[in-house]
Amino acid sequence: MKAKIKEEFSDSNTNHSARLEARISPELKNFFLKAAKMQGTSLTNFIIASAKKEADATFKQQTLIDLTLQDKIHLIKNCINDSYPSEELQKAAKEFLKLPNLQ
């Protein structure tokens, strides 16, 4: 499956759009077309919405992975650091341990 992006600009500098062309099998095109009809939308709108949904999910997942990695690095740095918990943190821990079903 080949895809290429070609930008087409209108006469106005503020109003432009990009064109995306993809070569797919006739079977896949018919499959997408049937799905688009089921949703009551055009093939173009179906493809755009589907691609946007997948892109959003990809960015969300990658952001979560990045944050998880940053949290691990932060935890390791804090474990290596020889500092002790502050008075406020010690007090909060004692209060937390007083909660029912925690001892």
C-alpha atoms as a PDB file:
ATOM      1  CA  MET A   1       0.000   0.000   0.000  1.00  0.00           C
ATOM      2  CA  LYS A   2       1.569   3.286  -1.104  1.00  0.00           C
ATOM      3  CA  ALA A   3       0.649   6.693   0.261  1.00  0.00           C
ATOM      4  CA  LYS A   4       1.884  10.134  -0.527  1.00  0.00           C
ATOM      5  CA  ILE A   5       1.072  13.582   0.752  1.00  0.00           C
ATOM      6  CA  LYS A   6       0.843  16.492  -1.622  1.00  0.00           C
ATOM      7  CA  GLU A   7      -0.024  19.961  -0.422  1.00  0.00           C
ATOM      8  CA  GLU A   8      -2.247  22.129  -2.550  1.00  0.00           C
ATOM      9  CA  PHE A   9      -2.499  25.801  -1.702  1.00  0.00           C
ATOM     10  CA  SER A  10      -5.395  28.009  -2.679  1.00  0.00           C
ATOM     11  CA  ASP A  11      -5.062  31.581  -3.885  1.00  0.00           C
ATOM     12  CA  SER A  12      -5.411  32.931  -0.363  1.00  0.00           C
ATOM     13  CA  ASN A  13      -2.378  32.583   1.908  1.00  0.00           C
ATOM     14  CA  THR A  14      -4.593  31.949   4.924  1.00  0.00           C
ATOM     15  CA  ASN A  15      -6.675  29.168   3.415  1.00  0.00           C
ATOM     16  CA  HIS A  16      -4.796  25.998   2.458  1.00  0.00           C
ATOM     17  CA  SER A  17      -5.308  22.277   2.536  1.00  0.00           C
ATOM     18  CA  ALA A  18      -3.234  19.157   2.094  1.00  0.00           C
ATOM     19  CA  ARG A  19      -4.112  16.330  -0.232  1.00  0.00           C
ATOM     20  CA  LEU A  20      -3.464  12.719   0.706  1.00  0.00           C
ATOM     21  CA  GLU A  21      -3.454  10.029  -1.953  1.00  0.00           C
ATOM     22  CA  ALA A  22      -3.284   6.309  -1.235  1.00  0.00           C
ATOM     23  CA  ARG A  23      -3.202   3.275  -3.510  1.00  0.00           C
ATOM     24  CA  ILE A  24      -5.233   0.413  -2.035  1.00  0.00           C
ATOM     25  CA  SER A  25      -6.804  -2.757  -3.366  1.00  0.00           C
ATOM     26  CA  PRO A  26     -10.352  -2.567  -4.741  1.00  0.00           C
ATOM     27  CA  GLU A  27     -11.436  -4.994  -2.017  1.00  0.00           C
ATOM     28  CA  LEU A  28     -10.123  -2.736   0.733  1.00  0.00           C
ATOM     29  CA  LYS A  29     -11.736   0.312  -0.878  1.00  0.00           C
ATOM     30  CA  ASN A  30     -15.096  -1.488  -1.007  1.00  0.00           C
ATOM     31  CA  PHE A  31     -14.676  -2.567   2.600  1.00  0.00           C
ATOM     32  CA  PHE A  32     -14.037   1.041   3.683  1.00  0.00           C
ATOM     33  CA  LEU A  33     -16.910   2.273   1.514  1.00  0.00           C
ATOM     34  CA  LYS A  34     -19.358  -0.169   3.128  1.00  0.00           C
ATOM     35  CA  ALA A  35     -18.219   0.897   6.595  1.00  0.00           C
ATOM     36  CA  ALA A  36     -18.601   4.574   5.635  1.00  0.00           C
ATOM     37  CA  LYS A  37     -22.146   3.926   4.396  1.00  0.00           C
ATOM     38  CA  MET A  38     -22.970   2.162   7.675  1.00  0.00           C
ATOM     39  CA  GLN A  39     -21.960   5.342   9.478  1.00  0.00           C
ATOM     40  CA  GLY A  40     -23.847   7.504   7.008  1.00  0.00           C
ATOM     41  CA  THR A  41     -20.783   9.404   5.875  1.00  0.00           C
ATOM     42  CA  SER A  42     -18.618   9.748   2.793  1.00  0.00           C
ATOM     43  CA  LEU A  43     -15.585   7.581   2.168  1.00  0.00           C
ATOM     44  CA  THR A  44     -13.321  10.612   2.545  1.00  0.00           C
ATOM     45  CA  ASN A  45     -14.829  11.636   5.881  1.00  0.00           C
ATOM     46  CA  PHE A  46     -14.716   8.035   7.101  1.00  0.00           C
ATOM     47  CA  ILE A  47     -11.022   7.677   6.219  1.00  0.00           C
ATOM     48  CA  ILE A  48     -10.148  11.040   7.791  1.00  0.00           C
ATOM     49  CA  ALA A  49     -12.076  10.294  10.998  1.00  0.00           C
ATOM     50  CA  SER A  50     -10.567   6.808  11.260  1.00  0.00           C
ATOM     51  CA  ALA A  51      -7.028   8.066  10.699  1.00  0.00           C
ATOM     52  CA  LYS A  52      -7.555  10.891  13.220  1.00  0.00           C
ATOM     53  CA  LYS A  53      -8.865   8.436  15.816  1.00  0.00           C
ATOM     54  CA  GLU A  54      -5.839   6.169  15.365  1.00  0.00           C
ATOM     55  CA  ALA A  55      -3.421   9.107  15.460  1.00  0.00           C
ATOM     56  CA  ASP A  56      -5.008  10.401  18.680  1.00  0.00           C
ATOM     57  CA  ALA A  57      -4.714   6.944  20.266  1.00  0.00           C
ATOM     58  CA  THR A  58      -1.078   6.665  19.177  1.00  0.00           C
ATOM     59  CA  PHE A  59      -0.174  10.061  20.637  1.00  0.00           C
ATOM     60  CA  LYS A  60      -2.044   9.286  23.858  1.00  0.00           C
ATOM     61  CA  GLN A  61      -0.281   5.945  24.263  1.00  0.00           C
ATOM     62  CA  GLN A  62       3.150   7.420  23.496  1.00  0.00           C
ATOM     63  CA  THR A  63       2.564  10.267  25.960  1.00  0.00           C
ATOM     64  CA  LEU A  64       1.640   7.729  28.627  1.00  0.00           C
ATOM     65  CA  ILE A  65       4.788   5.715  27.882  1.00  0.00           C
ATOM     66  CA  ASP A  66       6.905   8.872  28.052  1.00  0.00           C
ATOM     67  CA  LEU A  67       5.350   9.881  31.381  1.00  0.00           C
ATOM     68  CA  THR A  68       5.848   6.384  32.785  1.00  0.00           C
ATOM     69  CA  LEU A  69       9.508   6.489  31.787  1.00  0.00           C
ATOM     70  CA  GLN A  70       9.897   9.943  33.348  1.00  0.00           C
ATOM     71  CA  ASP A  71       8.256   8.679  36.544  1.00  0.00           C
ATOM     72  CA  LYS A  72      10.693   5.747  36.699  1.00  0.00           C
ATOM     73  CA  ILE A  73      13.652   8.058  36.230  1.00  0.00           C
ATOM     74  CA  HIS A  74      12.291  10.375  38.922  1.00  0.00           C
ATOM     75  CA  LEU A  75      11.804   7.443  41.323  1.00  0.00           C
ATOM     76  CA  ILE A  76      15.311   6.105  40.709  1.00  0.00           C
ATOM     77  CA  LYS A  77      16.843   9.537  41.245  1.00  0.00           C
ATOM     78  CA  ASN A  78      14.939   9.895  44.513  1.00  0.00           C
ATOM     79  CA  CYS A  79      16.003   6.421  45.669  1.00  0.00           C
ATOM     80  CA  ILE A  80      19.643   7.210  44.940  1.00  0.00           C
ATOM     81  CA  ASN A  81      19.384  10.537  46.763  1.00  0.00           C
ATOM     82  CA  ASP A  82      20.252  10.187  50.476  1.00  0.00           C
ATOM     83  CA  SER A  83      17.630  12.666  51.631  1.00  0.00           C
ATOM     84  CA  TYR A  84      15.117  11.752  54.326  1.00  0.00           C
ATOM     85  CA  PRO A  85      11.381  12.445  54.258  1.00  0.00           C
ATOM     86  CA  SER A  86      10.379  15.896  55.434  1.00  0.00           C
ATOM     87  CA  GLU A  87       8.494  16.379  58.701  1.00  0.00           C
ATOM     88  CA  GLU A  88       5.294  16.976  56.746  1.00  0.00           C
ATOM     89  CA  LEU A  89       5.712  13.723  54.834  1.00  0.00           C
ATOM     90  CA  GLN A  90       6.465  11.780  58.024  1.00  0.00           C
ATOM     91  CA  LYS A  91       3.376  13.264  59.680  1.00  0.00           C
ATOM     92  CA  ALA A  92       1.232  12.416  56.647  1.00  0.00           C
ATOM     93  CA  ALA A  93       2.537   8.827  56.690  1.00  0.00           C
ATOM     94  CA  LYS A  94       1.658   8.445  60.384  1.00  0.00           C
ATOM     95  CA  GLU A  95      -1.854   9.777  59.733  1.00  0.00           C
ATOM     96  CA  PHE A  96      -2.228   7.450  56.789  1.00  0.00           C
ATOM     97  CA  LEU A  97      -1.255   4.429  58.881  1.00  0.00           C
ATOM     98  CA  LYS A  98      -3.952   5.345  61.420  1.00  0.00           C
ATOM     99  CA  LEU A  99      -6.646   4.714  58.814  1.00  0.00           C
ATOM    100  CA  PRO A 100      -8.690   1.534  59.376  1.00  0.00           C
ATOM    101  CA  ASN A 101      -7.533  -1.737  57.777  1.00  0.00           C
ATOM    102  CA  LEU A 102      -3.990  -0.513  57.141  1.00  0.00           C
ATOM    103  CA  GLN A 103      -2.198  -1.933  60.168  1.00  0.00           C
END
